[in-house]
Amino acid sequence: MVRKNSMCGKCAYTRIISKLFPANSLNMFLGTAVCIVLLSCSSGIRPPEIYSSYGKRNYIFWSETRILKWADFQGSTPYLLNNEINVIRYAEINRLNLFGPTGFTAATIFDKTKSFVKEEAQTDTRLLYYQIIFNIHELYTRKFRRHYESVDFGLFNLKSDFNKTKINYDKESYERTEQLKKESNDGENKKVISEWNVKIKSELDQLIHYIVLF
């Protein structure tokens, strides 16, 4: 199943509703009605700031059908002196009011203008290496989406949970990419890169339910 745009957070207000409404038939009906409203999530429309901040001219949203090519690495020297890939793991969570629905958006975005590889280093093996890095970041974006489908948060810990979870996944994705760099000799070891490609693709497939189209 492929989802469009953003994911929704799970809102946990059942205990609050039970306190607000005594257990007689009329109030149970009203309580159920309010509970349905509170448990509803935003429609998942992609926030306008993603369009304005990450236009397709300079950015690539992760997609199964759009792999990186050397023409995407458009960073210029002397701004970038070393080979570099720049990937943004965008994430935002919001609630319009205390009892309102929660909207969650996460995306993996390749920055063309801040990614650069010297021409003599532009091999098929190295291109796959950078694609795997892009895939690793997408893997942790999907884990973030999964978290907000299953998490049971209350009224006041929304932002704290978001910040803590984001820091954890940012750390994990960084550690995985550093491990790849070390084991592959920074994209030089073809055999290791091939093994990592299979492994990360397998992990992505396990989270295929959390693909989002942009």
C-alpha atoms as a PDB file:
ATOM      1  CA  MET A   1       0.000   0.000   0.000  1.00  0.00           C
ATOM      2  CA  VAL A   2       1.401   3.370  -1.019  1.00  0.00           C
ATOM      3  CA  ARG A   3       0.229   6.492   0.757  1.00  0.00           C
ATOM      4  CA  LYS A   4       0.061   9.974  -0.618  1.00  0.00           C
ATOM      5  CA  ASN A   5       1.721  12.883   1.138  1.00  0.00           C
ATOM      6  CA  SER A   6       1.862  12.885   4.950  1.00  0.00           C
ATOM      7  CA  MET A   7       1.113  10.425   7.699  1.00  0.00           C
ATOM      8  CA  CYS A   8      -1.216  10.998  10.653  1.00  0.00           C
ATOM      9  CA  GLY A   9      -0.309  10.751  14.301  1.00  0.00           C
ATOM     10  CA  LYS A  10      -2.436   8.626  16.597  1.00  0.00           C
ATOM     11  CA  CYS A  11      -4.403  10.684  19.085  1.00  0.00           C
ATOM     12  CA  ALA A  12      -5.090   9.150  22.497  1.00  0.00           C
ATOM     13  CA  TYR A  13      -7.997  10.798  24.260  1.00  0.00           C
ATOM     14  CA  THR A  14     -10.230   7.913  25.333  1.00  0.00           C
ATOM     15  CA  ARG A  15      -9.407   8.338  29.015  1.00  0.00           C
ATOM     16  CA  ILE A  16     -10.216  12.066  28.860  1.00  0.00           C
ATOM     17  CA  ILE A  17     -13.560  11.420  27.184  1.00  0.00           C
ATOM     18  CA  SER A  18     -14.536   8.865  29.827  1.00  0.00           C
ATOM     19  CA  LYS A  19     -13.938  11.459  32.529  1.00  0.00           C
ATOM     20  CA  LEU A  20     -15.864  14.187  30.742  1.00  0.00           C
ATOM     21  CA  PHE A  21     -18.989  12.122  30.043  1.00  0.00           C
ATOM     22  CA  PRO A  22     -20.853  10.036  32.688  1.00  0.00           C
ATOM     23  CA  ALA A  23     -22.036   6.616  31.623  1.00  0.00           C
ATOM     24  CA  ASN A  24     -25.716   7.316  30.831  1.00  0.00           C
ATOM     25  CA  SER A  25     -27.090   6.715  27.358  1.00  0.00           C
ATOM     26  CA  LEU A  26     -27.268  10.338  26.165  1.00  0.00           C
ATOM     27  CA  ASN A  27     -23.869  11.290  27.457  1.00  0.00           C
ATOM     28  CA  MET A  28     -22.340   8.069  26.142  1.00  0.00           C
ATOM     29  CA  PHE A  29     -23.655   9.007  22.706  1.00  0.00           C
ATOM     30  CA  LEU A  30     -22.235  12.516  22.978  1.00  0.00           C
ATOM     31  CA  GLY A  31     -18.958  11.159  24.293  1.00  0.00           C
ATOM     32  CA  THR A  32     -18.678   8.774  21.370  1.00  0.00           C
ATOM     33  CA  ALA A  33     -19.337  11.591  18.917  1.00  0.00           C
ATOM     34  CA  VAL A  34     -16.674  13.801  20.445  1.00  0.00           C
ATOM     35  CA  CYS A  35     -14.236  10.917  20.617  1.00  0.00           C
ATOM     36  CA  ILE A  36     -14.611  10.318  16.891  1.00  0.00           C
ATOM     37  CA  VAL A  37     -13.745  13.949  16.214  1.00  0.00           C
ATOM     38  CA  LEU A  38     -10.739  13.897  18.532  1.00  0.00           C
ATOM     39  CA  LEU A  39      -9.389  10.675  17.100  1.00  0.00           C
ATOM     40  CA  SER A  40      -9.595  11.930  13.531  1.00  0.00           C
ATOM     41  CA  CYS A  41      -6.343  12.919  11.891  1.00  0.00           C
ATOM     42  CA  SER A  42      -5.512  15.563   9.347  1.00  0.00           C
ATOM     43  CA  SER A  43      -6.154  14.695   5.724  1.00  0.00           C
ATOM     44  CA  GLY A  44      -2.471  14.255   4.922  1.00  0.00           C
ATOM     45  CA  ILE A  45      -2.106  17.110   2.479  1.00  0.00           C
ATOM     46  CA  ARG A  46       1.540  17.999   2.056  1.00  0.00           C
ATOM     47  CA  PRO A  47       2.345  21.264   3.879  1.00  0.00           C
ATOM     48  CA  PRO A  48       2.747  24.223   1.488  1.00  0.00           C
ATOM     49  CA  GLU A  49       6.185  25.013   2.909  1.00  0.00           C
ATOM     50  CA  ILE A  50       7.578  21.825   1.369  1.00  0.00           C
ATOM     51  CA  TYR A  51       6.553  23.075  -2.064  1.00  0.00           C
ATOM     52  CA  SER A  52       8.032  26.516  -1.476  1.00  0.00           C
ATOM     53  CA  SER A  53      11.197  25.402   0.288  1.00  0.00           C
ATOM     54  CA  TYR A  54      11.996  22.253  -1.687  1.00  0.00           C
ATOM     55  CA  GLY A  55      11.064  22.825  -5.309  1.00  0.00           C
ATOM     56  CA  LYS A  56      11.823  20.099  -7.826  1.00  0.00           C
ATOM     57  CA  ARG A  57      14.318  22.266  -9.677  1.00  0.00           C
ATOM     58  CA  ASN A  58      16.884  21.926  -6.883  1.00  0.00           C
ATOM     59  CA  TYR A  59      15.579  19.005  -4.831  1.00  0.00           C
ATOM     60  CA  ILE A  60      14.634  15.359  -5.378  1.00  0.00           C
ATOM     61  CA  PHE A  61      12.108  13.621  -3.126  1.00  0.00           C
ATOM     62  CA  TRP A  62      12.949   9.970  -2.569  1.00  0.00           C
ATOM     63  CA  SER A  63      11.105   7.691  -4.977  1.00  0.00           C
ATOM     64  CA  GLU A  64      11.328   4.047  -5.994  1.00  0.00           C
ATOM     65  CA  THR A  65      11.162   5.097  -9.636  1.00  0.00           C
ATOM     66  CA  ARG A  66      13.655   7.979  -9.479  1.00  0.00           C
ATOM     67  CA  ILE A  67      17.224   6.914  -8.756  1.00  0.00           C
ATOM     68  CA  LEU A  68      20.109   9.358  -8.562  1.00  0.00           C
ATOM     69  CA  LYS A  69      22.241  10.152 -11.593  1.00  0.00           C
ATOM     70  CA  TRP A  70      25.456  12.148 -11.859  1.00  0.00           C
ATOM     71  CA  ALA A  71      23.641  15.090 -13.408  1.00  0.00           C
ATOM     72  CA  ASP A  72      21.851  15.530 -10.065  1.00  0.00           C
ATOM     73  CA  PHE A  73      25.112  16.444  -8.324  1.00  0.00           C
ATOM     74  CA  GLN A  74      25.088  20.139  -9.152  1.00  0.00           C
ATOM     75  CA  GLY A  75      27.045  21.638  -6.246  1.00  0.00           C
ATOM     76  CA  SER A  76      29.846  23.897  -7.414  1.00  0.00           C
ATOM     77  CA  THR A  77      33.420  24.433  -6.326  1.00  0.00           C
ATOM     78  CA  PRO A  78      34.967  26.119  -4.431  1.00  0.00           C
ATOM     79  CA  TYR A  79      31.866  25.809  -2.213  1.00  0.00           C
ATOM     80  CA  LEU A  80      32.346  22.034  -2.181  1.00  0.00           C
ATOM     81  CA  LEU A  81      35.964  20.911  -2.349  1.00  0.00           C
ATOM     82  CA  ASN A  82      35.329  17.265  -1.453  1.00  0.00           C
ATOM     83  CA  ASN A  83      32.906  14.645  -2.700  1.00  0.00           C
ATOM     84  CA  GLU A  84      29.678  15.133  -0.817  1.00  0.00           C
ATOM     85  CA  ILE A  85      26.008  14.190  -0.820  1.00  0.00           C
ATOM     86  CA  ASN A  86      23.474  16.327   1.003  1.00  0.00           C
ATOM     87  CA  VAL A  87      20.249  14.649   2.119  1.00  0.00           C
ATOM     88  CA  ILE A  88      17.549  16.389   4.146  1.00  0.00           C
ATOM     89  CA  ARG A  89      15.277  14.375   6.413  1.00  0.00           C
ATOM     90  CA  TYR A  90      12.344  16.761   6.683  1.00  0.00           C
ATOM     91  CA  ALA A  91       9.866  16.172   9.484  1.00  0.00           C
ATOM     92  CA  GLU A  92       7.078  18.239  10.992  1.00  0.00           C
ATOM     93  CA  ILE A  93       4.265  17.607  13.409  1.00  0.00           C
ATOM     94  CA  ASN A  94       1.492  19.973  14.341  1.00  0.00           C
ATOM     95  CA  ARG A  95      -1.855  20.241  16.057  1.00  0.00           C
ATOM     96  CA  LEU A  96      -4.080  23.261  15.450  1.00  0.00           C
ATOM     97  CA  ASN A  97      -5.405  23.243  18.987  1.00  0.00           C
ATOM     98  CA  LEU A  98      -5.267  21.185  22.173  1.00  0.00           C
ATOM     99  CA  PHE A  99      -8.052  18.813  21.118  1.00  0.00           C
ATOM    100  CA  GLY A 100      -7.498  19.031  17.364  1.00  0.00           C
ATOM    101  CA  PRO A 101      -6.229  16.344  14.983  1.00  0.00           C
ATOM    102  CA  THR A 102      -2.506  15.781  14.647  1.00  0.00           C
ATOM    103  CA  GLY A 103      -0.760  16.155  11.309  1.00  0.00           C
ATOM    104  CA  PHE A 104       2.605  14.510  10.670  1.00  0.00           C
ATOM    105  CA  THR A 105       4.773  14.878   7.578  1.00  0.00           C
ATOM    106  CA  ALA A 106       8.160  13.301   6.885  1.00  0.00           C
ATOM    107  CA  ALA A 107      10.193  13.285   3.668  1.00  0.00           C
ATOM    108  CA  THR A 108      13.648  12.324   2.428  1.00  0.00           C
ATOM    109  CA  ILE A 109      15.032  14.993   0.108  1.00  0.00           C
ATOM    110  CA  PHE A 110      18.225  15.119  -1.970  1.00  0.00           C
ATOM    111  CA  ASP A 111      19.717  18.610  -2.324  1.00  0.00           C
ATOM    112  CA  LYS A 112      21.196  18.991  -5.813  1.00  0.00           C
ATOM    113  CA  THR A 113      22.889  22.309  -5.084  1.00  0.00           C
ATOM    114  CA  LYS A 114      24.874  20.978  -2.117  1.00  0.00           C
ATOM    115  CA  SER A 115      25.870  17.614  -3.579  1.00  0.00           C
ATOM    116  CA  PHE A 116      29.080  17.359  -5.554  1.00  0.00           C
ATOM    117  CA  VAL A 117      31.442  14.634  -6.782  1.00  0.00           C
ATOM    118  CA  LYS A 118      34.623  15.268  -8.737  1.00  0.00           C
ATOM    119  CA  GLU A 119      34.416  14.089 -12.318  1.00  0.00           C
ATOM    120  CA  GLU A 120      37.240  11.570 -11.957  1.00  0.00           C
ATOM    121  CA  ALA A 121      35.356   9.907  -9.087  1.00  0.00           C
ATOM    122  CA  GLN A 122      32.064   9.534 -10.959  1.00  0.00           C
ATOM    123  CA  THR A 123      31.897   5.764 -11.353  1.00  0.00           C
ATOM    124  CA  ASP A 124      28.883   3.451 -11.378  1.00  0.00           C
ATOM    125  CA  THR A 125      30.018   1.964  -8.075  1.00  0.00           C
ATOM    126  CA  ARG A 126      30.230   5.345  -6.371  1.00  0.00           C
ATOM    127  CA  LEU A 127      26.857   6.414  -7.743  1.00  0.00           C
ATOM    128  CA  LEU A 128      25.293   3.290  -6.219  1.00  0.00           C
ATOM    129  CA  TYR A 129      27.093   4.124  -2.983  1.00  0.00           C
ATOM    130  CA  TYR A 130      25.405   7.545  -2.841  1.00  0.00           C
ATOM    131  CA  GLN A 131      22.053   6.010  -3.737  1.00  0.00           C
ATOM    132  CA  ILE A 132      22.423   3.663  -0.759  1.00  0.00           C
ATOM    133  CA  ILE A 133      23.078   6.657   1.498  1.00  0.00           C
ATOM    134  CA  PHE A 134      19.881   8.235   0.133  1.00  0.00           C
ATOM    135  CA  ASN A 135      18.078   4.940   0.781  1.00  0.00           C
ATOM    136  CA  ILE A 136      19.358   4.733   4.355  1.00  0.00           C
ATOM    137  CA  HIS A 137      17.874   8.147   5.115  1.00  0.00           C
ATOM    138  CA  GLU A 138      14.585   7.049   3.530  1.00  0.00           C
ATOM    139  CA  LEU A 139      14.633   3.945   5.718  1.00  0.00           C
ATOM    140  CA  TYR A 140      14.679   6.063   8.878  1.00  0.00           C
ATOM    141  CA  THR A 141      12.064   8.413   7.476  1.00  0.00           C
ATOM    142  CA  ARG A 142       9.774   5.398   7.130  1.00  0.00           C
ATOM    143  CA  LYS A 143      10.569   4.313  10.680  1.00  0.00           C
ATOM    144  CA  PHE A 144       9.563   7.790  11.810  1.00  0.00           C
ATOM    145  CA  ARG A 145       6.249   7.478   9.949  1.00  0.00           C
ATOM    146  CA  ARG A 146       5.644   4.064  11.488  1.00  0.00           C
ATOM    147  CA  HIS A 147       6.280   5.496  14.946  1.00  0.00           C
ATOM    148  CA  TYR A 148       3.548   8.089  14.502  1.00  0.00           C
ATOM    149  CA  GLU A 149       1.053   5.525  13.358  1.00  0.00           C
ATOM    150  CA  SER A 150       1.551   3.402  16.461  1.00  0.00           C
ATOM    151  CA  VAL A 151       2.516   5.878  19.188  1.00  0.00           C
ATOM    152  CA  ASP A 152       0.051   6.563  21.988  1.00  0.00           C
ATOM    153  CA  PHE A 153       0.679  10.124  23.129  1.00  0.00           C
ATOM    154  CA  GLY A 154      -1.330  12.400  25.390  1.00  0.00           C
ATOM    155  CA  LEU A 155      -2.238  16.052  25.250  1.00  0.00           C
ATOM    156  CA  PHE A 156       0.995  17.610  26.372  1.00  0.00           C
ATOM    157  CA  ASN A 157       3.891  15.399  25.264  1.00  0.00           C
ATOM    158  CA  LEU A 158       3.427  15.789  21.504  1.00  0.00           C
ATOM    159  CA  LYS A 159       6.412  18.049  20.798  1.00  0.00           C
ATOM    160  CA  SER A 160       8.684  16.388  23.337  1.00  0.00           C
ATOM    161  CA  ASP A 161       7.986  12.960  21.845  1.00  0.00           C
ATOM    162  CA  PHE A 162       8.555  14.326  18.339  1.00  0.00           C
ATOM    163  CA  ASN A 163      11.875  15.959  19.237  1.00  0.00           C
ATOM    164  CA  LYS A 164      13.152  12.926  21.104  1.00  0.00           C
ATOM    165  CA  THR A 165      12.172  10.528  18.319  1.00  0.00           C
ATOM    166  CA  LYS A 166      13.680  12.735  15.616  1.00  0.00           C
ATOM    167  CA  ILE A 167      16.982  12.982  17.466  1.00  0.00           C
ATOM    168  CA  ASN A 168      17.094   9.198  17.878  1.00  0.00           C
ATOM    169  CA  TYR A 169      16.384   8.462  14.211  1.00  0.00           C
ATOM    170  CA  ASP A 170      18.788  11.166  13.027  1.00  0.00           C
ATOM    171  CA  LYS A 171      21.481   9.572  15.167  1.00  0.00           C
ATOM    172  CA  GLU A 172      20.732   6.071  13.906  1.00  0.00           C
ATOM    173  CA  SER A 173      20.713   7.110  10.230  1.00  0.00           C
ATOM    174  CA  TYR A 174      24.004   8.977  10.725  1.00  0.00           C
ATOM    175  CA  GLU A 175      25.592   5.932  12.359  1.00  0.00           C
ATOM    176  CA  ARG A 176      24.435   3.658   9.530  1.00  0.00           C
ATOM    177  CA  THR A 177      25.858   5.949   6.845  1.00  0.00           C
ATOM    178  CA  GLU A 178      29.146   6.228   8.749  1.00  0.00           C
ATOM    179  CA  GLN A 179      29.275   2.448   8.981  1.00  0.00           C
ATOM    180  CA  LEU A 180      28.729   2.202   5.221  1.00  0.00           C
ATOM    181  CA  LYS A 181      31.475   4.749   4.567  1.00  0.00           C
ATOM    182  CA  LYS A 182      33.929   2.886   6.768  1.00  0.00           C
ATOM    183  CA  GLU A 183      33.186  -0.612   5.462  1.00  0.00           C
ATOM    184  CA  SER A 184      33.159   0.448   1.793  1.00  0.00           C
ATOM    185  CA  ASN A 185      36.260   2.627   2.067  1.00  0.00           C
ATOM    186  CA  ASP A 186      34.156   5.689   1.255  1.00  0.00           C
ATOM    187  CA  GLY A 187      32.533   4.138  -1.781  1.00  0.00           C
ATOM    188  CA  GLU A 188      35.537   2.303  -3.212  1.00  0.00           C
ATOM    189  CA  ASN A 189      34.786  -1.325  -2.311  1.00  0.00           C
ATOM    190  CA  LYS A 190      32.407  -2.669  -4.944  1.00  0.00           C
ATOM    191  CA  LYS A 191      31.681  -5.960  -3.138  1.00  0.00           C
ATOM    192  CA  VAL A 192      30.779  -4.270   0.149  1.00  0.00           C
ATOM    193  CA  ILE A 193      28.607  -1.713  -1.638  1.00  0.00           C
ATOM    194  CA  SER A 194      26.729  -4.486  -3.434  1.00  0.00           C
ATOM    195  CA  GLU A 195      26.095  -6.257  -0.105  1.00  0.00           C
ATOM    196  CA  TRP A 196      24.868  -3.043   1.517  1.00  0.00           C
ATOM    197  CA  ASN A 197      22.563  -2.384  -1.429  1.00  0.00           C
ATOM    198  CA  VAL A 198      20.828  -5.739  -0.944  1.00  0.00           C
ATOM    199  CA  LYS A 199      20.603  -5.273   2.820  1.00  0.00           C
ATOM    200  CA  ILE A 200      19.124  -1.763   2.757  1.00  0.00           C
ATOM    201  CA  LYS A 201      16.661  -2.659  -0.012  1.00  0.00           C
ATOM    202  CA  SER A 202      15.476  -5.573   2.118  1.00  0.00           C
ATOM    203  CA  GLU A 203      14.947  -3.282   5.110  1.00  0.00           C
ATOM    204  CA  LEU A 204      13.046  -0.805   2.941  1.00  0.00           C
ATOM    205  CA  ASP A 205      10.807  -3.597   1.658  1.00  0.00           C
ATOM    206  CA  GLN A 206       9.902  -4.484   5.231  1.00  0.00           C
ATOM    207  CA  LEU A 207       8.546  -0.939   5.623  1.00  0.00           C
ATOM    208  CA  ILE A 208       6.895  -0.695   2.207  1.00  0.00           C
ATOM    209  CA  HIS A 209       3.617   0.190   3.930  1.00  0.00           C
ATOM    210  CA  TYR A 210       5.180   3.522   4.905  1.00  0.00           C
ATOM    211  CA  ILE A 211       6.104   4.797   1.449  1.00  0.00           C
ATOM    212  CA  VAL A 212       4.726   8.285   0.791  1.00  0.00           C
ATOM    213  CA  LEU A 213       4.388   9.818  -2.664  1.00  0.00           C
ATOM    214  CA  PHE A 214       5.402  13.432  -3.211  1.00  0.00           C
END
